[in-house]
Amino acid sequence: MADAKWYVVHTYSGYENKVKVDIEKTIENRNLQEQILEVSVPMLEVAETKNGVEKLADKKMFPGYVLIHMVMNDDTWYVVRNTTGVTGFVGTGSKPVPLADNEVQMILRQMGYEEAVLRLQVSRSVEYCH
């Protein structure tokens, strides 16, 4: 989808997964799958040592934030902004600012989504050639 961009939404601390689930339910209920494409709470797998035992655990990359791949319009802004636990979009004033492509690529790589990064690069290349 050419108009879709990644946006960052600030949430109450600890509400990231609830916000994700609530937005996904709203997408389904309002049939917004073509406008809100993905909702993500970026996680990293890290090694933790407890009582001398090392084990892997998932940690939020950006506590208090949710990433949303969406087409920004009045309807999608309203749905996201009025989700319980959301305090607002990241951006200047009241206007949400999308993440730059290189920022999205960096986050996806850190999450281990090399294939998604390649698709993003290919789709951007094709998009710019037209």
Protein backbone atom coordinates (compact mmCIF):
# COMPACT_ATOMS: atom_id res chain seq x y z
CA MET A 1 0.00 0.00 0.00
CA ALA A 2 1.71 3.18 -1.21
CA ASP A 3 0.21 5.59 1.34
CA ALA A 4 0.90 3.40 4.37
CA LYS A 5 3.64 4.55 6.73
CA TRP A 6 4.86 3.45 10.14
CA TYR A 7 3.78 5.62 13.06
CA VAL A 8 4.70 5.49 16.74
CA VAL A 9 2.00 5.65 19.40
CA HIS A 10 2.73 6.43 23.04
CA THR A 11 0.88 4.28 25.59
CA TYR A 12 0.61 4.06 29.33
CA SER A 13 3.50 1.99 30.66
CA GLY A 14 2.61 -1.69 30.65
CA TYR A 15 -0.37 -1.21 28.30
CA GLU A 16 1.50 -1.90 25.04
CA ASN A 17 0.11 -5.40 24.45
CA LYS A 18 -3.43 -4.43 25.50
CA VAL A 19 -3.34 -1.47 23.10
CA LYS A 20 -2.12 -3.79 20.32
CA VAL A 21 -4.94 -6.29 20.94
CA ASP A 22 -7.60 -3.57 21.22
CA ILE A 23 -6.52 -1.89 17.97
CA GLU A 24 -6.47 -5.27 16.19
CA LYS A 25 -10.04 -5.96 17.40
CA THR A 26 -11.16 -2.55 16.19
CA ILE A 27 -9.51 -3.14 12.79
CA GLU A 28 -11.53 -6.33 12.43
CA ASN A 29 -14.80 -4.85 13.74
CA ARG A 30 -14.62 -1.77 11.50
CA ASN A 31 -13.16 -3.60 8.51
CA LEU A 32 -10.03 -1.42 8.42
CA GLN A 33 -7.59 -4.12 7.24
CA GLU A 34 -6.78 -2.09 4.11
CA GLN A 35 -5.92 1.02 6.14
CA ILE A 36 -4.29 -0.27 9.32
CA LEU A 37 -1.97 -3.00 8.11
CA GLU A 38 0.03 -3.99 11.18
CA VAL A 39 0.28 -3.23 14.88
CA SER A 40 3.54 -4.18 16.58
CA VAL A 41 5.12 -4.14 20.01
CA PRO A 42 8.78 -4.64 19.00
CA MET A 43 10.50 -7.25 21.15
CA LEU A 44 14.09 -8.42 21.51
CA GLU A 45 15.25 -11.76 22.83
CA VAL A 46 17.87 -11.15 25.50
CA ALA A 47 19.86 -13.44 27.77
CA GLU A 48 19.18 -12.99 31.48
CA THR A 49 21.01 -14.59 34.38
CA LYS A 50 18.98 -15.45 37.48
CA ASN A 51 20.44 -17.47 40.32
CA GLY A 52 23.40 -18.33 38.12
CA VAL A 53 21.19 -19.75 35.36
CA GLU A 54 21.12 -18.03 31.99
CA LYS A 55 17.85 -18.07 30.08
CA LEU A 56 16.34 -16.17 27.16
CA ALA A 57 13.60 -13.63 27.75
CA ASP A 58 11.64 -11.25 25.53
CA LYS A 59 12.02 -7.56 26.33
CA LYS A 60 10.21 -4.62 24.79
CA MET A 61 12.52 -2.60 22.55
CA PHE A 62 10.56 0.60 23.25
CA PRO A 63 8.63 0.37 26.54
CA GLY A 64 5.56 2.59 26.41
CA TYR A 65 5.36 2.62 22.60
CA VAL A 66 3.53 0.70 19.87
CA LEU A 67 4.37 0.83 16.15
CA ILE A 68 1.52 0.96 13.64
CA HIS A 69 1.78 0.53 9.85
CA MET A 70 -1.18 2.49 8.55
CA VAL A 71 -2.66 4.91 6.07
CA MET A 72 -3.12 8.14 8.03
CA ASN A 73 -6.55 9.68 7.63
CA ASP A 74 -9.24 11.03 9.95
CA ASP A 75 -10.79 7.58 10.55
CA THR A 76 -7.56 5.72 11.32
CA TRP A 77 -6.26 8.59 13.46
CA TYR A 78 -9.51 8.58 15.45
CA VAL A 79 -9.51 4.79 15.95
CA VAL A 80 -5.92 4.70 17.19
CA ARG A 81 -6.02 7.90 19.23
CA ASN A 82 -9.21 6.88 21.05
CA THR A 83 -8.02 3.39 21.98
CA THR A 84 -7.88 2.90 25.76
CA GLY A 85 -4.28 3.19 26.95
CA VAL A 86 -3.09 5.38 24.05
CA THR A 87 -1.83 8.80 25.12
CA GLY A 88 -1.07 10.05 21.62
CA PHE A 89 0.94 9.78 18.44
CA VAL A 90 4.61 10.75 18.40
CA GLY A 91 5.03 13.92 16.36
CA THR A 92 5.11 17.67 16.45
CA GLY A 93 2.02 19.23 17.95
CA SER A 94 -1.10 17.30 16.99
CA LYS A 95 0.30 16.04 13.66
CA PRO A 96 1.72 12.49 13.74
CA VAL A 97 5.11 12.12 12.05
CA PRO A 98 5.82 8.79 10.31
CA LEU A 99 9.08 6.94 10.86
CA ALA A 100 11.67 7.27 8.12
CA ASP A 101 12.30 4.14 6.02
CA ASN A 102 15.81 3.73 7.46
CA GLU A 103 14.39 3.81 11.01
CA VAL A 104 11.85 1.11 10.12
CA GLN A 105 14.58 -1.02 8.52
CA MET A 106 16.77 -0.71 11.63
CA ILE A 107 13.92 -1.75 13.95
CA LEU A 108 12.91 -4.69 11.75
CA ARG A 109 16.53 -5.88 11.57
CA GLN A 110 16.88 -5.71 15.35
CA MET A 111 13.70 -7.76 15.65
CA GLY A 112 15.16 -10.35 13.27
CA TYR A 113 12.91 -9.63 10.30
CA GLU A 114 15.51 -9.56 7.52
CA GLU A 115 12.91 -10.75 4.98
CA ALA A 116 10.58 -7.86 5.85
CA VAL A 117 13.45 -5.40 5.43
CA LEU A 118 14.16 -6.78 1.97
CA ARG A 119 10.48 -6.50 1.00
CA LEU A 120 10.44 -2.90 2.24
CA GLN A 121 13.52 -2.08 0.17
CA VAL A 122 12.11 -3.74 -2.95
CA SER A 123 8.67 -2.12 -2.61
CA ARG A 124 10.24 1.31 -2.09
CA SER A 125 12.49 0.82 -5.13
CA VAL A 126 9.55 -0.14 -7.32
CA GLU A 127 7.46 2.68 -5.91
CA TYR A 128 10.12 5.30 -6.66
CA CYS A 129 10.71 4.03 -10.21
CA HIS A 130 7.22 4.96 -11.36
